[in-house]
Protein backbone atom coordinates (compact mmCIF):
# COMPACT_ATOMS: atom_id res chain seq x y z
CA MET A 1 -167.33 21.02 70.48
CA THR A 2 -167.59 24.53 71.91
CA LYS A 3 -164.77 26.99 71.05
CA SER A 4 -163.30 29.05 73.90
CA TRP A 5 -161.47 32.39 73.77
CA PRO A 6 -157.67 32.06 74.10
CA THR A 7 -156.46 32.75 77.61
CA GLY A 8 -153.19 33.25 79.43
CA ALA A 9 -150.08 32.65 77.33
CA LYS A 10 -152.18 32.15 74.18
CA LEU A 11 -153.72 35.64 74.52
CA LEU A 12 -150.40 37.48 75.02
CA PRO A 13 -149.16 37.34 71.36
CA LEU A 14 -152.53 38.67 70.16
CA ILE A 15 -152.42 41.56 72.65
CA LEU A 16 -148.86 42.42 71.62
CA MET A 17 -149.80 42.33 67.94
CA VAL A 18 -152.78 44.66 68.41
CA THR A 19 -150.78 46.98 70.67
CA SER A 20 -147.94 47.12 68.16
CA PHE A 21 -150.38 47.88 65.33
CA MET A 22 -152.07 50.69 67.29
CA ALA A 23 -148.73 52.19 68.34
CA GLY A 24 -147.47 52.10 64.77
CA ARG A 25 -150.71 53.61 63.49
CA SER A 26 -150.50 56.37 66.07
CA PHE A 27 -146.93 57.13 65.01
CA ASP A 28 -147.99 57.20 61.33
CA LEU A 29 -150.81 59.61 62.10
CA LEU A 30 -148.56 61.85 64.17
CA TRP A 31 -145.85 61.84 61.45
CA SER A 32 -148.47 62.55 58.80
CA ARG A 33 -149.72 65.57 60.71
CA GLN A 34 -146.16 66.84 61.15
CA ARG A 35 -145.24 66.19 57.52
CA PHE A 36 -148.41 67.10 55.68
CA GLY A 37 -150.15 69.53 58.04
CA THR A 38 -153.76 69.43 56.80
CA ALA A 39 -153.82 65.65 56.43
CA LEU A 40 -155.25 65.56 59.95
CA MET A 41 -156.62 69.08 60.17
CA SER A 42 -158.67 69.71 63.26
CA HIS A 43 -162.31 70.79 63.05
CA GLU A 44 -161.23 74.16 64.46
CA ASP A 45 -158.62 74.64 61.71
CA ALA A 46 -161.07 73.63 59.00
CA PHE A 47 -163.70 76.02 60.33
CA LEU A 48 -161.14 78.83 60.59
CA ILE A 49 -160.06 78.33 56.97
CA SER A 50 -163.66 78.44 55.77
CA VAL A 51 -164.28 81.68 57.69
CA GLN A 52 -161.08 83.24 56.35
CA VAL A 53 -161.80 82.25 52.76
CA GLN A 54 -165.32 83.67 53.06
CA ARG A 55 -163.89 86.92 54.42
CA VAL A 56 -161.42 87.12 51.55
CA HIS A 57 -164.23 86.64 49.03
CA GLU A 58 -166.25 89.37 50.73
CA VAL A 59 -163.34 91.82 50.67
CA GLN A 60 -162.70 91.03 47.00
CA GLU A 61 -166.30 91.71 46.09
CA LYS A 62 -166.31 95.00 47.98
CA HIS A 63 -163.25 96.28 46.19
CA ARG A 64 -164.52 95.16 42.81
CA GLY A 65 -167.63 97.27 43.45
CA ASN A 66 -169.94 94.26 43.30
CA TYR A 67 -172.34 95.27 46.03
CA SER A 68 -175.49 93.38 46.79
CA GLU A 69 -178.14 93.76 49.43
CA GLY A 70 -176.91 92.42 52.71
CA ALA A 71 -173.23 92.36 51.62
CA PRO A 72 -170.70 93.48 54.25
CA GLN A 73 -170.05 97.21 54.20
CA LEU A 74 -166.59 98.74 53.89
CA THR A 75 -165.03 99.73 57.18
CA GLY A 76 -164.07 103.35 57.79
CA ALA A 77 -160.38 102.51 57.36
CA GLU A 78 -161.05 100.72 54.07
CA GLN A 79 -163.10 103.62 52.77
CA GLU A 80 -160.33 106.04 53.70
CA ARG A 81 -157.70 103.95 51.92
CA ILE A 82 -159.76 103.93 48.73
CA ARG A 83 -160.50 107.68 48.90
CA SER A 84 -156.81 108.43 49.43
CA GLY A 85 -155.90 106.49 46.29
CA ASN A 86 -153.75 103.96 48.14
CA TRP A 87 -155.91 100.97 47.17
CA THR A 88 -155.58 101.06 43.40
CA GLY A 89 -154.79 97.45 42.69
CA PHE A 90 -157.84 96.94 40.53
CA ASN A 91 -157.21 99.82 38.13
CA THR A 92 -157.21 98.28 34.66
CA ALA A 93 -157.37 101.47 32.62
CA THR A 94 -153.62 101.49 31.99
CA PRO A 95 -151.14 98.68 31.22
CA THR A 96 -148.92 97.37 33.96
CA THR A 97 -145.50 99.04 34.13
CA LEU A 98 -142.51 98.83 36.44
CA ARG A 99 -144.22 101.49 38.57
CA ASN A 100 -146.83 98.86 39.49
CA VAL A 101 -144.29 96.32 40.76
CA LEU A 102 -143.06 96.33 44.38
CA PHE A 103 -139.95 94.24 45.11
CA GLY A 104 -139.31 92.62 48.47
CA ILE A 105 -135.75 91.38 48.91
CA GLY A 106 -135.22 88.91 51.73
CA SER A 107 -131.94 89.41 53.54
CA SER A 108 -130.34 89.88 56.96
CA VAL A 109 -128.02 92.42 58.52
CA HIS A 110 -125.16 89.95 58.31
CA SER A 111 -125.82 88.90 54.71
CA TYR A 112 -126.74 92.25 53.21
CA SER A 113 -123.52 93.96 54.21
CA SER A 114 -121.68 91.76 51.71
CA ARG A 115 -124.43 91.44 49.10
CA LYS A 116 -125.65 94.99 48.63
CA ASP A 117 -123.05 95.42 45.89
CA LEU A 118 -124.73 92.53 44.10
CA VAL A 119 -128.19 94.13 44.48
CA ARG A 120 -126.74 97.36 43.07
CA THR A 121 -125.94 95.61 39.77
CA TRP A 122 -129.64 95.29 38.86
CA TRP A 123 -131.46 97.85 41.03
CA GLN A 124 -132.50 101.00 39.15
CA PRO A 125 -132.74 104.03 41.48
CA ASN A 126 -135.84 106.20 41.04
CA LYS A 127 -137.33 103.52 38.80
CA THR A 128 -137.60 100.24 40.68
CA ARG A 129 -139.73 100.26 43.83
CA GLY A 130 -139.28 98.08 46.87
CA PHE A 131 -137.45 97.32 50.08
CA VAL A 132 -134.83 95.01 51.47
CA TRP A 133 -136.30 93.27 54.50
CA LEU A 134 -133.85 92.63 57.36
CA ASP A 135 -133.80 91.05 60.79
CA GLY A 136 -132.55 94.24 62.46
CA ALA A 137 -131.55 97.82 61.88
CA LEU A 138 -128.69 98.39 59.45
CA GLN A 139 -126.20 100.98 60.65
CA ASP A 140 -124.80 103.68 58.35
CA TYR A 141 -126.93 102.62 55.39
CA ASP A 142 -127.54 105.62 53.16
CA TRP A 143 -129.71 103.79 50.66
CA ALA A 144 -130.69 106.83 48.57
CA SER A 145 -127.15 108.05 47.88
CA GLU A 146 -125.93 104.49 47.31
CA GLY A 147 -128.61 103.79 44.72
CA LEU A 148 -130.09 100.88 46.69
CA PRO A 149 -133.52 99.91 48.06
CA GLU A 150 -134.67 101.28 51.38
CA ALA A 151 -134.26 98.92 54.32
CA ARG A 152 -137.15 97.70 56.47
CA VAL A 153 -137.04 95.60 59.63
CA SER A 154 -139.36 92.60 59.50
CA GLU A 155 -141.98 92.15 62.19
CA ASP A 156 -141.28 89.85 65.12
CA THR A 157 -142.33 86.26 64.37
CA SER A 158 -141.35 84.71 67.71
CA HIS A 159 -145.04 84.08 68.48
CA LEU A 160 -145.39 81.81 65.44
CA PRO A 161 -144.57 78.09 65.87
CA TYR A 162 -141.63 76.58 64.01
CA THR A 163 -140.38 72.99 64.09
CA GLY A 164 -138.58 72.83 60.71
CA TRP A 165 -134.95 71.81 60.36
CA GLY A 166 -133.96 74.98 58.48
CA PRO A 167 -133.44 78.51 59.81
CA ARG A 168 -136.35 80.13 61.61
CA SER A 169 -135.80 83.28 59.56
CA CYS A 170 -137.90 81.69 56.81
CA LEU A 171 -141.00 82.73 58.78
CA ARG A 172 -140.26 86.44 58.51
CA VAL A 173 -139.22 86.10 54.85
CA ALA A 174 -142.49 84.30 54.08
CA ARG A 175 -144.35 87.34 55.45
CA ILE A 176 -142.60 89.86 53.17
CA VAL A 177 -145.59 90.00 50.82
CA ILE A 178 -148.14 90.72 53.54
CA GLU A 179 -145.91 93.25 55.32
CA ALA A 180 -145.32 95.02 52.02
CA PHE A 181 -149.05 94.91 51.28
CA GLN A 182 -149.87 96.42 54.67
CA LEU A 183 -147.78 99.48 53.83
CA GLY A 184 -150.65 100.51 51.54
CA LEU A 185 -148.43 102.03 48.87
CA PRO A 186 -150.22 103.47 45.82
CA ASP A 187 -150.30 101.94 42.34
CA VAL A 188 -149.00 98.52 43.37
CA ARG A 189 -150.42 95.64 41.34
CA TRP A 190 -147.73 93.00 41.92
CA PHE A 191 -145.57 92.04 44.89
CA VAL A 192 -142.34 90.28 43.89
CA MET A 193 -140.23 88.36 46.42
CA GLY A 194 -136.60 87.44 45.87
CA ASP A 195 -133.34 86.81 47.72
CA ASP A 196 -130.33 89.07 48.15
CA ASP A 197 -128.31 86.75 45.87
CA THR A 198 -130.79 87.03 43.00
CA VAL A 199 -130.31 89.19 39.91
CA PHE A 200 -133.58 90.51 38.43
CA ASN A 201 -134.37 91.97 35.01
CA PRO A 202 -137.01 94.49 36.22
CA ASP A 203 -138.12 95.83 32.82
CA ALA A 204 -138.63 92.37 31.36
CA LEU A 205 -140.47 91.29 34.51
CA ALA A 206 -142.88 94.23 34.24
CA ALA A 207 -143.51 93.46 30.57
CA VAL A 208 -144.29 89.83 31.35
CA LEU A 209 -146.56 90.73 34.28
CA SER A 210 -148.49 93.08 32.00
CA SER A 211 -149.78 90.03 30.14
CA TYR A 212 -151.53 88.69 33.25
CA ASP A 213 -154.74 89.93 34.83
CA HIS A 214 -153.65 91.58 38.06
CA THR A 215 -157.28 91.76 39.25
CA GLU A 216 -157.25 87.98 39.75
CA MET A 217 -155.58 86.01 42.52
CA LEU A 218 -152.35 84.92 40.82
CA TYR A 219 -149.21 83.26 42.11
CA LEU A 220 -146.42 83.27 39.50
CA GLY A 221 -142.95 81.80 39.37
CA SER A 222 -141.05 78.71 38.35
CA ALA A 223 -139.62 75.55 39.86
CA SER A 224 -136.11 74.21 40.25
CA GLU A 225 -133.91 73.17 37.33
CA THR A 226 -132.91 69.90 39.01
CA GLY A 227 -135.01 66.82 39.54
CA GLU A 228 -133.56 66.13 42.96
CA GLN A 229 -134.70 69.50 44.32
CA LEU A 230 -138.18 68.93 42.92
CA VAL A 231 -138.45 65.60 44.71
CA ILE A 232 -137.35 67.22 47.97
CA ALA A 233 -139.28 70.49 47.85
CA GLY A 234 -142.11 69.91 45.38
CA TYR A 235 -143.11 70.43 41.76
CA GLU A 236 -145.91 72.99 42.14
CA MET A 237 -144.02 75.64 44.08
CA ALA A 238 -142.56 78.94 42.91
CA TYR A 239 -139.02 78.70 44.25
CA GLY A 240 -138.28 81.83 46.22
CA GLY A 241 -134.75 82.48 45.05
CA GLY A 242 -135.88 82.61 41.44
CA GLY A 243 -138.60 85.03 42.43
CA ILE A 244 -142.29 84.87 43.36
CA ALA A 245 -144.86 87.29 41.92
CA VAL A 246 -148.11 87.70 43.85
CA SER A 247 -150.99 89.75 42.48
CA TRP A 248 -152.62 92.44 44.63
CA PRO A 249 -155.83 90.45 45.32
CA LEU A 250 -153.84 87.41 46.46
CA ALA A 251 -151.67 89.64 48.66
CA LEU A 252 -154.89 90.98 50.18
CA ALA A 253 -156.11 87.45 50.83
CA LEU A 254 -152.80 86.37 52.34
CA SER A 255 -152.81 89.40 54.63
CA GLU A 256 -156.04 88.01 56.10
CA THR A 257 -154.97 84.37 56.37
CA MET A 258 -151.20 83.84 56.32
CA ASP A 259 -150.34 83.89 60.02
CA ASP A 260 -152.98 81.29 60.82
CA CYS A 261 -151.76 79.28 57.83
CA ILE A 262 -148.18 79.46 59.13
CA ARG A 263 -149.40 78.10 62.47
CA ARG A 264 -150.82 75.05 60.70
CA TYR A 265 -147.51 74.18 59.02
CA PRO A 266 -144.75 74.65 61.60
CA GLU A 267 -142.70 71.81 60.10
CA GLN A 268 -142.31 73.24 56.60
CA TYR A 269 -138.89 74.15 55.26
CA GLY A 270 -138.40 77.52 53.62
CA SER A 271 -140.39 80.67 53.09
CA ASP A 272 -141.43 79.72 49.55
CA ALA A 273 -143.10 76.53 50.80
CA ARG A 274 -145.28 78.60 53.12
CA VAL A 275 -146.30 81.01 50.39
CA ARG A 276 -147.25 78.05 48.23
CA ILE A 277 -149.28 76.28 50.89
CA CYS A 278 -151.05 79.43 52.07
CA SER A 279 -151.95 80.27 48.46
CA ALA A 280 -153.15 76.70 47.90
CA GLU A 281 -155.46 76.96 50.90
CA LEU A 282 -157.10 79.87 49.07
CA GLY A 283 -157.47 77.71 45.96
CA VAL A 284 -154.61 79.37 44.07
CA GLN A 285 -152.08 77.17 42.32
CA LEU A 286 -148.80 78.05 40.65
CA THR A 287 -148.81 79.71 37.24
CA ARG A 288 -145.49 78.77 35.66
CA VAL A 289 -143.60 81.54 33.90
CA ARG A 290 -140.51 80.77 31.87
CA GLY A 291 -137.75 83.20 32.65
CA PHE A 292 -137.78 82.94 36.45
CA HIS A 293 -134.64 80.92 37.23
CA GLN A 294 -134.06 79.33 40.62
CA PHE A 295 -130.69 78.29 39.20
CA ASP A 296 -130.07 75.21 41.30
CA LEU A 297 -126.83 74.81 39.37
CA ARG A 298 -123.15 75.12 40.16
CA GLY A 299 -120.01 76.03 38.28
CA ASN A 300 -119.92 77.53 34.80
CA VAL A 301 -123.50 78.32 33.71
CA ALA A 302 -122.55 79.75 30.29
CA GLY A 303 -124.01 76.65 28.63
CA PHE A 304 -127.41 77.40 30.15
CA LEU A 305 -127.36 81.12 29.35
CA GLN A 306 -126.34 80.38 25.75
CA ALA A 307 -129.46 78.24 25.28
CA HIS A 308 -132.05 80.41 27.04
CA PRO A 309 -135.67 79.47 26.22
CA LEU A 310 -137.82 81.61 23.95
CA ALA A 311 -139.04 83.84 26.78
CA PRO A 312 -137.77 87.00 28.45
CA PHE A 313 -135.00 86.47 31.00
CA ILE A 314 -136.46 87.55 34.37
CA SER A 315 -134.18 86.38 37.17
CA MET A 316 -131.14 84.33 38.16
CA HIS A 317 -130.55 83.02 41.69
CA HIS A 318 -127.51 81.63 43.56
CA VAL A 319 -125.19 83.93 41.65
CA MET A 320 -122.64 83.98 44.48
CA LEU A 321 -122.26 80.20 44.18
CA LEU A 322 -121.70 80.26 40.42
CA ASP A 323 -118.52 80.86 38.49
CA PRO A 324 -118.29 84.44 37.17
CA VAL A 325 -120.55 84.77 34.12
CA PHE A 326 -117.61 86.17 32.13
CA PRO A 327 -114.10 84.68 32.13
CA ASN A 328 -111.15 86.41 33.77
CA MET A 329 -113.40 88.49 36.04
CA THR A 330 -114.62 88.28 39.63
CA ARG A 331 -118.30 87.68 40.33
CA VAL A 332 -119.75 91.12 41.05
CA PRO A 333 -117.91 93.01 38.25
CA ALA A 334 -118.91 90.22 35.85
CA LEU A 335 -122.55 90.56 36.95
CA ALA A 336 -122.36 94.34 36.55
CA ARG A 337 -121.23 93.81 32.94
CA PHE A 338 -124.01 91.24 32.50
CA THR A 339 -126.78 93.53 33.80
CA ASN A 340 -125.47 96.60 31.99
CA ASN A 341 -126.06 94.87 28.66
CA MET A 342 -129.32 93.41 29.96
CA ARG A 343 -130.69 96.91 30.61
CA ALA A 344 -129.77 98.02 27.09
CA ASP A 345 -132.27 95.57 25.56
CA PRO A 346 -134.11 93.85 28.44
CA ILE A 347 -136.81 91.99 26.52
CA ASN A 348 -134.50 90.35 23.99
CA PHE A 349 -131.59 89.76 26.36
CA LEU A 350 -130.18 86.21 26.00
CA GLN A 351 -132.51 85.33 23.11
CA THR A 352 -130.73 82.87 20.85
CA ALA A 353 -130.29 82.63 17.09
CA PHE A 354 -128.48 79.94 15.12
CA CYS A 355 -126.39 80.86 12.06
CA ILE A 356 -124.99 78.03 9.92
CA ASP A 357 -122.51 78.66 7.11
CA HIS A 358 -122.75 75.54 4.94
CA GLU A 359 -120.16 76.79 2.47
CA ASN A 360 -117.42 77.37 5.03
CA MET A 361 -118.79 74.71 7.40
CA PHE A 362 -119.05 76.52 10.69
CA THR A 363 -121.87 77.48 13.07
CA ALA A 364 -122.43 80.60 15.16
CA VAL A 365 -124.78 80.52 18.16
CA VAL A 366 -125.84 84.03 19.16
CA SER A 367 -126.98 84.65 22.74
CA TRP A 368 -128.07 88.27 22.33
CA GLY A 369 -126.29 90.64 24.69
CA TYR A 370 -124.11 87.88 26.16
CA SER A 371 -122.01 85.82 23.73
CA VAL A 372 -121.38 84.39 20.30
CA LYS A 373 -120.19 80.79 20.25
CA LEU A 374 -118.46 79.39 17.13
CA PHE A 375 -118.33 75.70 16.21
CA VAL A 376 -116.62 73.89 13.37
CA GLY A 377 -119.16 72.12 11.18
CA ALA A 378 -122.84 72.58 10.43
CA GLY A 379 -124.73 72.27 13.70
CA ARG A 380 -128.20 70.81 14.01
CA VAL A 381 -130.77 73.17 15.52
CA GLY A 382 -132.35 70.35 17.51
CA ASP A 383 -129.01 69.96 19.31
CA LEU A 384 -128.16 73.66 19.53
CA GLU A 385 -131.40 74.37 21.41
CA ARG A 386 -130.23 72.08 24.21
CA ALA A 387 -128.12 73.54 27.00
CA GLU A 388 -124.50 72.50 26.85
CA MET A 389 -123.60 70.97 30.22
CA THR A 390 -120.81 73.29 31.26
CA PHE A 391 -122.45 73.28 34.73
CA GLN A 392 -123.25 70.82 37.49
CA SER A 393 -126.33 70.23 39.62
CA TYR A 394 -126.79 72.17 42.84
CA GLY A 395 -127.99 68.90 44.43
CA TYR A 396 -126.55 67.07 47.36
CA ARG A 397 -125.46 64.02 45.37
CA LYS A 398 -122.30 64.67 43.37
CA GLY A 399 -122.45 63.99 39.69
CA ILE A 400 -126.24 64.02 39.47
CA LYS A 401 -127.48 65.07 36.02
CA GLU A 402 -131.25 65.02 36.46
CA PHE A 403 -132.17 68.41 35.00
CA THR A 404 -135.65 69.65 34.18
CA PHE A 405 -134.61 71.07 30.82
CA ASP A 406 -132.99 69.60 27.71
CA THR A 407 -129.21 69.20 27.90
CA ARG A 408 -126.38 67.91 25.77
CA SER A 409 -122.81 66.96 26.60
CA GLU A 410 -120.21 69.70 26.79
CA VAL A 411 -118.43 70.16 23.47
CA GLU A 412 -114.78 69.20 23.81
CA SER A 413 -112.13 71.65 22.67
CA TYR A 414 -110.48 70.72 19.36
CA PRO A 415 -107.57 70.88 18.93
CA ASP A 416 -106.61 70.89 22.59
CA GLY A 417 -105.71 74.21 24.13
CA GLY A 418 -104.40 77.47 22.73
CA GLN A 419 -106.06 80.38 20.96
CA CYS A 420 -106.67 78.19 17.89
CA ALA A 421 -108.91 75.75 19.78
CA THR A 422 -112.58 75.45 18.86
CA PRO A 423 -115.33 75.99 19.87
CA ILE A 424 -114.62 79.59 20.87
CA ASN A 425 -116.63 82.15 22.80
CA LEU A 426 -116.78 85.84 22.00
CA TRP A 427 -118.17 87.88 24.92
CA VAL A 428 -120.33 90.98 24.68
CA ASP A 429 -118.75 94.43 24.71
CA GLY A 430 -121.88 96.49 24.27
CA VAL A 431 -125.51 96.70 23.12
CA GLY A 432 -127.24 99.78 21.77
CA ALA A 433 -129.67 101.28 19.28
CA SER A 434 -128.64 101.54 15.65
CA ALA A 435 -129.93 103.41 12.60
CA GLY A 436 -132.93 102.06 10.71
CA ASN A 437 -134.91 100.83 13.73
CA LYS A 438 -132.29 98.25 14.62
CA MET A 439 -130.30 97.15 17.64
CA ASN A 440 -126.56 96.58 17.46
CA SER A 441 -124.29 94.43 19.63
CA THR A 442 -120.55 93.77 19.57
CA TYR A 443 -118.50 90.85 20.91
CA SER A 444 -114.81 90.06 21.21
CA ARG A 445 -112.10 87.83 22.64
CA ASP A 446 -108.40 88.19 23.28
CA VAL A 447 -106.24 86.81 20.47
CA PRO A 448 -102.42 87.10 20.28
CA LYS A 449 -101.35 89.76 17.77
CA ASN A 450 -98.85 87.38 16.13
CA GLN A 451 -101.43 84.72 15.43
CA THR A 452 -101.38 84.06 11.67
CA ASP A 453 -102.75 80.57 11.24
CA CYS A 454 -105.22 78.28 12.94
CA VAL A 455 -105.88 74.59 12.60
CA PRO A 456 -108.22 72.92 11.87
CA HIS A 457 -110.48 75.77 10.72
CA MET A 458 -110.11 79.44 9.85
CA VAL A 459 -113.08 80.28 12.11
CA ALA A 460 -110.70 79.94 15.05
CA ARG A 461 -109.12 83.21 13.93
CA VAL A 462 -112.28 85.23 14.56
CA SER A 463 -111.72 87.73 17.35
CA GLU A 464 -114.64 90.18 16.82
CA ALA A 465 -118.31 89.97 15.93
CA THR A 466 -120.90 92.63 15.13
CA ILE A 467 -124.56 91.63 15.17
CA THR A 468 -127.61 93.68 14.28
CA ARG A 469 -131.26 92.76 14.56
CA ASP A 470 -134.62 94.26 13.72
CA VAL A 471 -136.50 95.92 16.56
CA VAL A 472 -139.75 94.00 16.95
CA PRO A 473 -142.45 95.22 19.41
CA PHE A 474 -142.86 92.94 22.40
CA ALA A 475 -146.30 91.34 22.78
CA PRO A 476 -146.32 88.78 25.60
CA SER A 477 -148.92 86.06 25.91
CA ARG A 478 -150.39 84.72 29.13
CA ASP A 479 -148.00 81.77 29.27
CA GLY A 480 -144.98 84.08 29.22
CA LEU A 481 -143.99 83.21 25.66
CA PHE A 482 -143.63 85.68 22.83
CA ARG A 483 -146.69 86.28 20.68
CA GLY A 484 -147.11 87.61 17.15
CA PRO A 485 -143.82 88.38 15.36
CA ASN A 486 -141.82 87.19 18.37
CA LEU A 487 -143.33 83.73 18.58
CA ARG A 488 -140.41 82.52 16.45
CA ARG A 489 -136.73 83.04 16.99
CA GLN A 490 -135.03 85.58 14.79
CA CYS A 491 -133.12 84.03 11.89
CA CYS A 492 -129.87 84.89 10.12
CA ARG A 493 -130.46 87.15 7.14
CA SER A 494 -126.76 87.31 6.41
CA LEU A 495 -123.47 86.01 7.77
CA SER A 496 -120.06 87.12 6.50
CA VAL A 497 -116.41 87.08 7.52
CA ASP A 498 -113.74 89.54 6.38
CA PRO A 499 -110.84 88.23 4.22
CA SER A 500 -108.54 87.88 7.21
CA TRP A 501 -111.17 85.88 9.12
CA SER A 502 -110.79 88.19 12.10
CA LYS A 503 -114.25 89.79 12.11
CA LEU A 504 -117.68 88.19 11.84
CA VAL A 505 -120.76 90.19 10.80
CA ILE A 506 -124.27 88.83 11.31
CA GLU A 507 -127.65 90.37 10.57
CA LEU A 508 -130.70 88.91 12.30
CA GLY A 509 -134.32 89.44 11.33
CA SER A 510 -137.76 87.94 11.34
CA CYS A 511 -137.84 84.38 10.08
CA ASN A 512 -141.03 85.34 8.20
CA GLY A 513 -138.91 87.32 5.76
CA ILE A 514 -136.65 84.35 5.08
CA LEU A 515 -138.89 81.28 4.98
């Protein structure tokens, strides 16, 4: 029997099925292009990228001095820039210092009017270099006399496509690096982006950057502290609030390619996502550096700061959404106190040490330049290294506790309430140099003058602490960790309390001299 093709009513379900499949496939392809950009890159886009990458390689070779027969020659403008000394990014004769770092602070006229006092807490006039990039001219802004960065108006980005659900201003913020690069300022090796609600530790940042080869294309930073944000925004992105450091050669490459890259990803959210993607198109992936902190946290972040990793503290974002970093203070004055002690010893700021008194059964956790926390009992270092969850996630789902660092439950106060409750926090009063090549720091808390007894432990009487430590030269390694003598935490050489149990004295030093 001969088979015949289905006709009429029998053919209709097949046609509908094929049509439905093709329509669904078309939707999937369209969504994929909107969501992932290069997943369906056109031949024109692919060709343009290859041309741009080749041009970047050519420019790199020219400025490295690697000339070969037939290689492109420097243009007159490029030759003039080199002769004038403005193009000195590849100078490796001297170590990188703060002079070689150019900050770019993303802000707006509306936002900066209320946040410039925050920027003032960490900005160092006549020492830090950089600009605050705005969406318009700022009236009556005397940046020099106010001790603040000079303001610049970002270029118009209305010609660039944008279909993302966030603010369009992310396009101009994404271009801060290339606009700063195009200024041609001398002696710049690194371009650092951050937000106007970010606190930086400039001296520590410069020291960490000095351990990286600024003649290579490098893209430095760190990711979010919460798992939810990583799922939403990605794992291999330097989050912009925490800070992004771009080496001079990568800034050069981005200046050649970024606008076309932005056109290929109109759907992306955020400026940091665009910097990541445009760097990735040049073959540059994220180099993670501990110490950049996006700080996707809320509430009281003392538990995080008191368990800072063994790396220099570089930045802290979202500070206007956090509780004041010191109790009984408002945010900006508390941050001014925080950064004042940070500047006194920038490399070792927030480095932790654990002191356990087995005879008197109490533990002191030192967060250098910030606090001393006292517990009853002999703590276990494996637990003390974990951040005490005094904070909450910045995420959209309430109660989420998916953090990207080790945590432990918040220690409950015992006995409940009052000045005799433990654990107790003593907050920094000052940090400074001391005799014998040492640093000295003092801490205190308010205790009623008539307090004569505390239960359950005498350590609850302590109202002052003095801590000294050896000054150890900083030698960073390429992964941002300490190297040499600083690869290990400092240990307690001695711990003592006066007869009245009101004052604690601790001496820290190299663990090599103890064990």
